[in-house]
Amino acid sequence: MVSVFILPILIGMGARWSARAEIQALTASNIGLTIENNSYHDATGQLSSQISALQDAVDDLGVRAAVDPAASRAMEKLPSAVRSRAMGGGAAVAVAPMLGSALTTPDAAFGVLRDILGVIENRLDSVRTGVERRQALASATPSMWPVTGWLTSSFGDRRDPFTGGADFHPGLDISAPYGQPVLAPADGTIATAGATGSYGNLVAIDHGFGILTKYGHLSRIAVEAGQQVSRGDVIGYVGSTGRSTSAHLHYEIWINGRLTNPMRLLAGR
């Protein structure tokens, strides 16, 4: 008789213990899932921020990579040594091998994605550096006429206007009204600004990358040595100082210490 009463009690107690154990297991599992979910939520947030930053970087590069067409054409005509020195070198980073990593768990997948995004960020930094160097070279390349006028003497062999004998002309003579502003055709630093023998009042601009330009016979100089100038800034005014027969600008370009025909770099040529 006693067993008849005890058996249901034991069964009930066993059921309660089983239910309690199941509830504890479910509670522990829920806590684990909550922690795991929070971890994935954090990882997803980090990846979203990283992707957003990468998109901003790509958009920024797209804007900064644009180069004025005239400057781009002139830059392509620079000696290859100048361009390669300006651009430097950047090694590409391989991403494909990382894709072979084991993706057996979500954690592993998140880890590989983070690694890939990190590699892409590093590559973007390299590309950004290349874009900045290209922009710097484009800004330093003389690509516009320093003054509007008429070409009265080209680069190369000619007849000397004073003696009538054979002569080599190291630049261009551009005839223009006396006092007309002379503009810097590219960014740079004023290397020389003053009276210089047969050039008369002379301005020379060091554009970096081995590029130097000279402007002779100026009536007046508007800059001083060491001054930074940008493309389009007024550096002086057309005159007829020094060894000159009339108002004009004498314009020279030197690249790596050698004379270069300015017509090679002028916009539209």
Protein backbone atom coordinates (compact mmCIF):
# COMPACT_ATOMS: atom_id res chain seq x y z
CA MET A 1 0.00 0.00 0.00
CA VAL A 2 2.82 2.42 0.93
CA SER A 3 4.44 1.92 -2.45
CA VAL A 4 1.20 2.88 -4.10
CA PHE A 5 1.40 6.30 -2.41
CA ILE A 6 5.19 6.76 -2.65
CA LEU A 7 5.52 5.90 -6.34
CA PRO A 8 3.43 8.84 -7.61
CA ILE A 9 5.36 11.18 -5.28
CA LEU A 10 8.70 9.94 -6.58
CA ILE A 11 7.48 10.24 -10.16
CA GLY A 12 6.30 13.78 -9.47
CA MET A 13 9.59 14.70 -7.79
CA GLY A 14 11.52 13.19 -10.70
CA ALA A 15 9.48 15.17 -13.14
CA ARG A 16 10.11 18.36 -11.16
CA TRP A 17 13.85 17.65 -11.00
CA SER A 18 13.91 16.89 -14.73
CA ALA A 19 11.98 20.05 -15.50
CA ARG A 20 14.26 22.11 -13.25
CA ALA A 21 17.35 20.65 -14.88
CA GLU A 22 15.88 21.34 -18.34
CA ILE A 23 15.04 24.93 -17.33
CA GLN A 24 18.58 25.43 -16.02
CA ALA A 25 19.99 24.01 -19.26
CA LEU A 26 17.73 26.24 -21.30
CA THR A 27 18.69 29.24 -19.17
CA ALA A 28 22.39 28.50 -19.65
CA SER A 29 21.85 28.01 -23.37
CA ASN A 30 19.92 31.29 -23.57
CA ILE A 31 22.71 33.12 -21.75
CA GLY A 32 25.22 31.59 -24.14
CA LEU A 33 23.12 32.57 -27.16
CA THR A 34 22.73 36.10 -25.79
CA ILE A 35 26.50 36.44 -25.36
CA GLU A 36 27.10 34.98 -28.83
CA ASN A 37 24.45 37.25 -30.35
CA ASN A 38 26.01 40.30 -28.69
CA SER A 39 29.41 39.21 -29.99
CA TYR A 40 28.09 38.88 -33.54
CA HIS A 41 26.24 42.18 -33.18
CA ASP A 42 29.50 43.89 -32.16
CA ALA A 43 31.40 42.18 -34.98
CA THR A 44 28.72 43.18 -37.49
CA GLY A 45 28.83 46.77 -36.26
CA GLN A 46 32.62 46.85 -36.59
CA LEU A 47 32.44 45.41 -40.11
CA SER A 48 29.73 47.91 -41.10
CA SER A 49 31.86 50.80 -39.82
CA GLN A 50 34.90 49.43 -41.63
CA ILE A 51 32.96 49.01 -44.89
CA SER A 52 31.52 52.53 -44.55
CA ALA A 53 35.02 53.94 -44.01
CA LEU A 54 36.27 52.05 -47.06
CA GLN A 55 33.42 53.42 -49.18
CA ASP A 56 34.25 56.96 -48.04
CA ALA A 57 37.91 56.35 -48.90
CA VAL A 58 36.98 55.05 -52.36
CA ASP A 59 34.72 58.07 -52.99
CA ASP A 60 37.50 60.40 -51.83
CA LEU A 61 39.99 58.71 -54.13
CA GLY A 62 37.58 59.08 -57.05
CA VAL A 63 37.43 62.83 -56.49
CA ARG A 64 41.14 63.27 -55.87
CA ALA A 65 42.20 61.10 -58.79
CA ALA A 66 40.68 63.53 -61.28
CA VAL A 67 43.40 65.55 -63.03
CA ASP A 68 42.86 68.53 -65.31
CA PRO A 69 42.99 67.14 -68.88
CA ALA A 70 45.53 69.73 -70.03
CA ALA A 71 47.81 68.99 -67.08
CA SER A 72 47.37 65.26 -67.66
CA ARG A 73 48.39 65.55 -71.33
CA ALA A 74 51.42 67.66 -70.43
CA MET A 75 52.40 65.29 -67.62
CA GLU A 76 52.38 62.31 -69.97
CA LYS A 77 54.95 64.12 -72.13
CA LEU A 78 57.41 64.47 -69.27
CA PRO A 79 60.47 62.19 -69.40
CA SER A 80 59.71 58.74 -67.99
CA ALA A 81 62.44 59.19 -65.37
CA VAL A 82 60.62 62.22 -63.96
CA ARG A 83 57.27 60.43 -63.88
CA SER A 84 58.62 57.24 -62.29
CA ARG A 85 60.53 59.20 -59.64
CA ALA A 86 57.44 61.24 -58.83
CA MET A 87 55.07 58.27 -58.66
CA GLY A 88 57.32 55.93 -56.69
CA GLY A 89 56.40 52.26 -56.40
CA GLY A 90 53.75 50.36 -54.52
CA ALA A 91 53.55 46.61 -54.16
CA ALA A 92 50.18 45.00 -54.67
CA VAL A 93 48.84 42.91 -51.81
CA ALA A 94 47.32 39.52 -52.60
CA VAL A 95 43.89 38.95 -51.09
CA ALA A 96 42.95 35.66 -52.78
CA PRO A 97 45.02 33.35 -50.51
CA MET A 98 43.03 34.59 -47.51
CA LEU A 99 39.85 33.29 -49.09
CA GLY A 100 41.19 29.78 -48.69
CA SER A 101 41.01 30.04 -44.90
CA ALA A 102 38.68 27.67 -43.10
CA LEU A 103 35.20 29.17 -42.81
CA THR A 104 33.78 26.41 -40.65
CA THR A 105 32.18 28.75 -38.10
CA PRO A 106 30.65 32.25 -38.13
CA ASP A 107 33.56 33.41 -35.96
CA ALA A 108 36.02 32.19 -38.58
CA ALA A 109 34.02 33.91 -41.33
CA PHE A 110 33.99 37.20 -39.42
CA GLY A 111 37.72 36.85 -38.78
CA VAL A 112 38.53 36.31 -42.45
CA LEU A 113 36.29 39.21 -43.49
CA ARG A 114 38.03 41.49 -41.02
CA ASP A 115 41.42 40.39 -42.34
CA ILE A 116 40.36 40.98 -45.96
CA LEU A 117 38.99 44.42 -45.13
CA GLY A 118 42.25 45.22 -43.34
CA VAL A 119 44.25 44.25 -46.43
CA ILE A 120 41.97 46.36 -48.64
CA GLU A 121 42.45 49.33 -46.30
CA ASN A 122 46.22 48.94 -46.58
CA ARG A 123 45.96 48.72 -50.36
CA LEU A 124 43.79 51.84 -50.43
CA ASP A 125 46.44 53.66 -48.41
CA SER A 126 48.98 52.70 -51.08
CA VAL A 127 46.65 53.81 -53.88
CA ARG A 128 45.91 57.06 -52.03
CA THR A 129 49.64 57.77 -51.86
CA GLY A 130 49.90 57.16 -55.61
CA VAL A 131 46.96 59.50 -56.27
CA GLU A 132 48.55 62.20 -54.11
CA ARG A 133 51.85 61.86 -55.98
CA ARG A 134 50.07 62.02 -59.33
CA GLN A 135 48.19 65.13 -58.22
CA ALA A 136 51.43 66.71 -56.99
CA LEU A 137 53.16 66.00 -60.31
CA ALA A 138 50.16 67.33 -62.27
CA SER A 139 50.18 70.52 -60.19
CA ALA A 140 53.93 70.92 -60.81
CA THR A 141 53.75 70.34 -64.59
CA PRO A 142 53.81 73.58 -66.66
CA SER A 143 50.75 73.02 -68.83
CA MET A 144 49.43 76.49 -69.62
CA TRP A 145 50.73 79.53 -71.50
CA PRO A 146 52.25 81.98 -69.00
CA VAL A 147 51.00 84.90 -71.08
CA THR A 148 48.57 85.38 -73.96
CA GLY A 149 50.28 86.70 -77.08
CA TRP A 150 51.98 85.85 -80.36
CA LEU A 151 54.83 83.39 -80.73
CA THR A 152 57.61 85.40 -82.35
CA SER A 153 60.53 83.03 -81.81
CA SER A 154 60.48 79.26 -81.31
CA PHE A 155 62.79 76.92 -79.43
CA GLY A 156 65.93 75.87 -81.30
CA ASP A 157 68.07 77.24 -84.11
CA ARG A 158 67.30 80.74 -85.37
CA ARG A 159 68.90 83.97 -86.63
CA ASP A 160 70.15 86.24 -83.85
CA PRO A 161 67.95 89.38 -83.82
CA PHE A 162 70.95 91.61 -82.97
CA THR A 163 73.79 90.20 -85.07
CA GLY A 164 71.91 88.33 -87.77
CA GLY A 165 74.18 85.33 -87.23
CA ALA A 166 73.29 81.75 -86.36
CA ASP A 167 71.89 81.36 -82.86
CA PHE A 168 70.29 78.75 -80.60
CA HIS A 169 67.19 80.00 -78.82
CA PRO A 170 66.70 78.18 -75.48
CA GLY A 171 63.00 78.96 -75.12
CA LEU A 172 59.98 80.71 -76.60
CA ASP A 173 59.53 84.42 -77.21
CA ILE A 174 55.90 85.43 -76.75
CA SER A 175 55.05 88.95 -77.90
CA ALA A 176 52.46 90.66 -75.67
CA PRO A 177 51.48 94.20 -74.62
CA TYR A 178 53.87 95.92 -72.23
CA GLY A 179 52.73 95.42 -68.63
CA GLN A 180 50.52 92.39 -69.31
CA PRO A 181 50.51 89.99 -66.31
CA VAL A 182 52.68 86.87 -66.55
CA LEU A 183 51.16 83.83 -64.82
CA ALA A 184 52.79 80.83 -63.18
CA PRO A 185 51.92 77.82 -65.38
CA ALA A 186 52.21 75.41 -62.44
CA ASP A 187 52.71 75.27 -58.67
CA GLY A 188 56.20 75.82 -57.32
CA THR A 189 58.67 77.88 -55.33
CA ILE A 190 60.32 81.05 -56.62
CA ALA A 191 64.00 80.19 -57.09
CA THR A 192 65.15 83.51 -58.61
CA ALA A 193 63.58 86.98 -58.76
CA GLY A 194 65.74 89.86 -59.92
CA ALA A 195 67.88 91.40 -62.65
CA THR A 196 70.00 88.76 -64.42
CA GLY A 197 72.20 89.88 -67.32
CA SER A 198 70.75 89.45 -70.79
CA TYR A 199 67.50 88.10 -69.34
CA GLY A 200 66.82 91.47 -67.72
CA ASN A 201 64.33 91.10 -64.89
CA LEU A 202 64.07 87.34 -64.45
CA VAL A 203 61.85 85.03 -62.44
CA ALA A 204 62.64 81.32 -62.14
CA ILE A 205 60.23 78.82 -60.56
CA ASP A 206 61.32 75.48 -59.11
CA HIS A 207 58.32 73.18 -59.55
CA GLY A 208 59.95 70.16 -57.94
CA PHE A 209 60.49 66.80 -59.63
CA GLY A 210 63.46 68.33 -61.48
CA ILE A 211 61.28 70.88 -63.33
CA LEU A 212 62.39 74.55 -63.51
CA THR A 213 60.86 77.38 -65.59
CA LYS A 214 62.30 80.83 -66.41
CA TYR A 215 60.59 84.11 -67.39
CA GLY A 216 62.79 86.86 -68.84
CA HIS A 217 62.64 90.54 -69.87
CA LEU A 218 59.96 91.40 -67.30
CA SER A 219 59.10 95.06 -66.78
CA ARG A 220 58.32 94.37 -63.13
CA ILE A 221 58.59 91.39 -60.79
CA ALA A 222 55.65 90.55 -58.54
CA VAL A 223 57.23 87.81 -56.40
CA GLU A 224 60.34 87.19 -54.32
CA ALA A 225 62.72 84.28 -53.87
CA GLY A 226 61.38 81.52 -51.62
CA GLN A 227 57.73 82.43 -52.19
CA GLN A 228 55.25 79.65 -52.92
CA VAL A 229 53.08 80.16 -56.01
CA SER A 230 50.18 78.27 -57.51
CA ARG A 231 49.18 77.78 -61.14
CA GLY A 232 47.63 81.04 -62.37
CA ASP A 233 49.33 83.35 -59.85
CA VAL A 234 50.82 86.59 -61.22
CA ILE A 235 54.62 86.45 -61.02
CA GLY A 236 55.50 89.55 -63.06
CA TYR A 237 54.64 91.75 -66.03
CA VAL A 238 55.69 91.73 -69.67
CA GLY A 239 58.55 94.09 -70.47
CA SER A 240 61.66 94.58 -72.58
CA THR A 241 64.50 94.57 -70.07
CA GLY A 242 67.89 92.99 -70.75
CA ARG A 243 68.84 91.89 -74.27
CA SER A 244 65.49 92.56 -75.92
CA THR A 245 64.19 94.44 -78.96
CA SER A 246 60.54 94.85 -77.94
CA ALA A 247 57.99 93.95 -75.26
CA HIS A 248 57.75 90.18 -74.97
CA LEU A 249 58.20 87.27 -72.57
CA HIS A 250 61.10 84.87 -72.88
CA TYR A 251 59.96 81.49 -71.52
CA GLU A 252 62.21 78.50 -70.79
CA ILE A 253 61.67 75.03 -69.32
CA TRP A 254 64.45 72.94 -67.79
CA ILE A 255 63.91 69.29 -66.82
CA ASN A 256 66.61 67.47 -64.87
CA GLY A 257 69.08 70.24 -65.77
CA ARG A 258 68.41 70.02 -69.51
CA LEU A 259 66.57 72.48 -71.74
CA THR A 260 63.20 71.28 -73.02
CA ASN A 261 61.03 72.74 -75.76
CA PRO A 262 58.09 74.35 -73.89
CA MET A 263 55.80 73.51 -76.80
CA ARG A 264 55.98 69.86 -75.73
CA LEU A 265 54.09 70.61 -72.53
CA LEU A 266 51.82 73.51 -73.42
CA ALA A 267 48.10 72.72 -73.26
CA GLY A 268 46.54 71.61 -76.50
CA ARG A 269 49.88 70.64 -78.06
